[in-house]
Amino acid sequence: MSNRTLRSLSTKNNEQAVLRKTNHNADYMQTITDLKNNVYQFKNRNLWHI
C-alpha cells in the first residue's frame, strides 16, 4: 500500500474512534441526566405526600 492509502486509513480509524468516544460520552451524559430527573421526580412525588 502507498503512504497515501495508509494515511487515509489511519485518519478514517481516528475519526471512527473519536465518533465512538463522542457517542459514549453522550450516552453517559444522558444516563446522568436520566438519573437526575428520576431523583427530582422521586423528591417531588414524595413532597406531595407530606
N, C-alpha and C. Protein backbone atom coordinates (compact mmCIF):
# COMPACT_ATOMS: atom_id res chain seq x y z
N MET A 1 0.84 -1.20 0.00
CA MET A 1 0.00 0.00 0.00
C MET A 1 0.87 1.25 0.00
N SER A 2 0.36 2.27 -0.65
CA SER A 2 1.12 3.53 -0.68
C SER A 2 0.95 4.26 0.64
N ASN A 3 1.82 5.22 0.86
CA ASN A 3 1.74 6.03 2.08
C ASN A 3 0.41 6.78 2.17
N ARG A 4 -0.05 7.24 1.01
CA ARG A 4 -1.30 8.00 0.99
C ARG A 4 -2.46 7.11 1.47
N THR A 5 -2.48 5.86 0.97
CA THR A 5 -3.55 4.93 1.37
C THR A 5 -3.49 4.67 2.87
N LEU A 6 -2.29 4.44 3.38
CA LEU A 6 -2.12 4.19 4.81
C LEU A 6 -2.58 5.40 5.63
N ARG A 7 -2.22 6.58 5.14
CA ARG A 7 -2.61 7.81 5.85
C ARG A 7 -4.12 7.95 5.90
N SER A 8 -4.77 7.71 4.78
CA SER A 8 -6.23 7.89 4.75
C SER A 8 -6.90 6.82 5.62
N LEU A 9 -6.32 5.63 5.67
CA LEU A 9 -6.87 4.58 6.52
C LEU A 9 -6.76 4.96 7.99
N SER A 10 -5.60 5.46 8.39
CA SER A 10 -5.41 5.82 9.80
C SER A 10 -6.30 7.00 10.18
N THR A 11 -6.49 7.93 9.24
CA THR A 11 -7.38 9.07 9.50
C THR A 11 -8.79 8.58 9.72
N LYS A 12 -9.21 7.64 8.87
CA LYS A 12 -10.56 7.08 8.98
C LYS A 12 -10.74 6.39 10.33
N ASN A 13 -9.74 5.62 10.74
CA ASN A 13 -9.80 4.93 12.03
C ASN A 13 -9.88 5.93 13.18
N ASN A 14 -9.10 6.99 13.08
CA ASN A 14 -9.13 8.02 14.13
C ASN A 14 -10.50 8.67 14.22
N GLU A 15 -11.09 8.96 13.05
CA GLU A 15 -12.41 9.59 13.03
C GLU A 15 -13.44 8.67 13.69
N GLN A 16 -13.35 7.37 13.37
CA GLN A 16 -14.30 6.42 13.95
C GLN A 16 -14.11 6.32 15.45
N ALA A 17 -12.86 6.35 15.90
CA ALA A 17 -12.57 6.28 17.33
C ALA A 17 -13.14 7.50 18.04
N VAL A 18 -12.98 8.67 17.42
CA VAL A 18 -13.50 9.91 18.01
C VAL A 18 -15.02 9.85 18.07
N LEU A 19 -15.64 9.36 17.00
CA LEU A 19 -17.10 9.25 16.98
C LEU A 19 -17.58 8.31 18.07
N ARG A 20 -16.89 7.17 18.20
CA ARG A 20 -17.27 6.20 19.24
C ARG A 20 -17.17 6.84 20.61
N LYS A 21 -16.10 7.58 20.84
CA LYS A 21 -15.89 8.22 22.14
C LYS A 21 -16.98 9.28 22.38
N THR A 22 -17.29 10.03 21.34
CA THR A 22 -18.33 11.06 21.46
C THR A 22 -19.67 10.42 21.79
N ASN A 23 -19.99 9.33 21.10
CA ASN A 23 -21.25 8.64 21.36
C ASN A 23 -21.28 8.10 22.77
N HIS A 24 -20.16 7.57 23.21
CA HIS A 24 -20.07 7.01 24.56
C HIS A 24 -20.30 8.12 25.58
N ASN A 25 -19.68 9.27 25.37
CA ASN A 25 -19.85 10.41 26.27
C ASN A 25 -21.30 10.90 26.28
N ALA A 26 -21.91 10.91 25.10
CA ALA A 26 -23.31 11.35 25.00
C ALA A 26 -24.20 10.39 25.78
N ASP A 27 -23.96 9.09 25.64
CA ASP A 27 -24.73 8.09 26.38
C ASP A 27 -24.55 8.30 27.87
N TYR A 28 -23.32 8.57 28.27
CA TYR A 28 -23.01 8.76 29.68
C TYR A 28 -23.76 9.98 30.22
N MET A 29 -23.71 11.07 29.47
CA MET A 29 -24.39 12.30 29.89
C MET A 29 -25.90 12.07 29.97
N GLN A 30 -26.43 11.33 29.02
CA GLN A 30 -27.87 11.04 29.00
C GLN A 30 -28.25 10.23 30.24
N THR A 31 -27.41 9.28 30.59
CA THR A 31 -27.66 8.45 31.77
C THR A 31 -27.68 9.31 33.03
N ILE A 32 -26.69 10.20 33.14
CA ILE A 32 -26.63 11.10 34.30
C ILE A 32 -27.89 11.96 34.36
N THR A 33 -28.30 12.49 33.21
CA THR A 33 -29.49 13.33 33.14
C THR A 33 -30.72 12.54 33.57
N ASP A 34 -30.84 11.31 33.07
CA ASP A 34 -31.98 10.46 33.42
C ASP A 34 -32.01 10.21 34.93
N LEU A 35 -30.85 9.93 35.50
CA LEU A 35 -30.77 9.68 36.94
C LEU A 35 -31.21 10.91 37.72
N LYS A 36 -30.72 12.08 37.31
CA LYS A 36 -31.09 13.32 37.99
C LYS A 36 -32.59 13.54 37.91
N ASN A 37 -33.15 13.32 36.72
CA ASN A 37 -34.59 13.52 36.55
C ASN A 37 -35.37 12.57 37.44
N ASN A 38 -34.91 11.33 37.54
CA ASN A 38 -35.58 10.35 38.38
C ASN A 38 -35.56 10.80 39.83
N VAL A 39 -34.43 11.33 40.27
CA VAL A 39 -34.30 11.80 41.65
C VAL A 39 -35.26 12.96 41.90
N TYR A 40 -35.32 13.89 40.96
CA TYR A 40 -36.22 15.04 41.12
C TYR A 40 -37.68 14.59 41.16
N GLN A 41 -38.02 13.67 40.27
CA GLN A 41 -39.40 13.17 40.22
C GLN A 41 -39.74 12.48 41.54
N PHE A 42 -38.79 11.70 42.03
CA PHE A 42 -38.98 10.98 43.29
C PHE A 42 -39.20 11.97 44.44
N LYS A 43 -38.36 13.01 44.48
CA LYS A 43 -38.48 14.03 45.53
C LYS A 43 -39.82 14.74 45.43
N ASN A 44 -40.19 15.12 44.22
CA ASN A 44 -41.44 15.85 44.02
C ASN A 44 -42.64 15.00 44.40
N ARG A 45 -42.59 13.75 44.03
CA ARG A 45 -43.70 12.84 44.33
C ARG A 45 -43.84 12.69 45.85
N ASN A 46 -42.71 12.59 46.53
CA ASN A 46 -42.75 12.41 47.98
C ASN A 46 -43.19 13.67 48.70
N LEU A 47 -42.90 14.83 48.13
CA LEU A 47 -43.31 16.09 48.76
C LEU A 47 -44.83 16.20 48.81
N TRP A 48 -45.48 15.66 47.79
CA TRP A 48 -46.94 15.75 47.75
C TRP A 48 -47.58 14.96 48.88
N HIS A 49 -46.88 13.95 49.36
CA HIS A 49 -47.46 13.08 50.39
C HIS A 49 -47.29 13.64 51.80
N ILE A 50 -46.48 14.67 51.94
CA ILE A 50 -46.22 15.18 53.29
C ILE A 50 -47.45 15.94 53.80
